């Protein structure tokens, strides 16, 4: 049984491991931007209350 299957995306053949790594990095980036935006918004709200 081969775990590392490959997907055909047009003329490019992409392995399963590559897709998993890309999903990990994109979800990590999405989470980091979300946390950063939340902290920025929270600091702006706290500054207006003072």
Protein backbone atom coordinates (compact mmCIF):
# COMPACT_ATOMS: atom_id res chain seq x y z
CA UNK A 1 0.00 0.00 0.00
CA UNK A 2 1.47 3.32 -1.08
CA UNK A 3 0.63 6.18 1.29
CA UNK A 4 2.17 8.87 -0.90
CA UNK A 5 -0.30 8.91 -3.77
CA UNK A 6 0.03 11.56 -6.41
CA UNK A 7 -2.59 13.86 -7.86
CA UNK A 8 -2.62 15.05 -11.44
CA UNK A 9 -3.14 18.82 -11.57
CA UNK A 10 -3.14 19.56 -15.26
CA UNK A 11 0.29 18.54 -16.51
CA UNK A 12 1.85 18.65 -13.04
CA UNK A 13 1.89 15.59 -10.81
CA UNK A 14 1.79 16.52 -7.11
CA UNK A 15 2.41 14.04 -4.31
CA UNK A 16 0.11 13.62 -1.34
CA UNK A 17 2.86 14.74 1.05
CA UNK A 18 3.27 18.03 -0.84
CA UNK A 19 -0.44 18.79 -0.52
CA UNK A 20 -0.36 18.02 3.22
CA UNK A 21 2.65 20.32 3.74
CA UNK A 22 0.99 23.12 1.76
CA UNK A 23 -2.23 22.76 3.77
CA UNK A 24 -0.26 22.87 7.03
CA UNK A 25 1.62 26.04 6.10
CA UNK A 26 -1.45 27.80 4.71
CA UNK A 27 -3.54 26.99 7.80
CA UNK A 28 -0.66 28.11 10.06
CA UNK A 29 -0.42 31.41 8.15
CA UNK A 30 -4.20 31.90 8.28
CA UNK A 31 -4.19 31.32 12.04
CA UNK A 32 -1.23 33.68 12.60
CA UNK A 33 -2.87 36.48 10.60
CA UNK A 34 -6.14 35.94 12.47
CA UNK A 35 -4.46 36.17 15.87
CA UNK A 36 -2.49 39.25 14.82
CA UNK A 37 -5.60 40.98 13.49
CA UNK A 38 -7.53 40.15 16.66
CA UNK A 39 -4.77 41.60 18.86
CA UNK A 40 -4.60 44.76 16.73
CA UNK A 41 -8.37 45.23 16.87
CA UNK A 42 -8.40 44.58 20.62
CA UNK A 43 -5.66 47.17 21.21
CA UNK A 44 -7.56 49.75 19.17
CA UNK A 45 -10.74 49.15 21.17
CA UNK A 46 -8.87 49.41 24.49
CA UNK A 47 -7.20 52.65 23.37
CA UNK A 48 -10.57 54.25 22.54
CA UNK A 49 -11.99 53.42 25.98
CA UNK A 50 -9.26 55.38 27.80
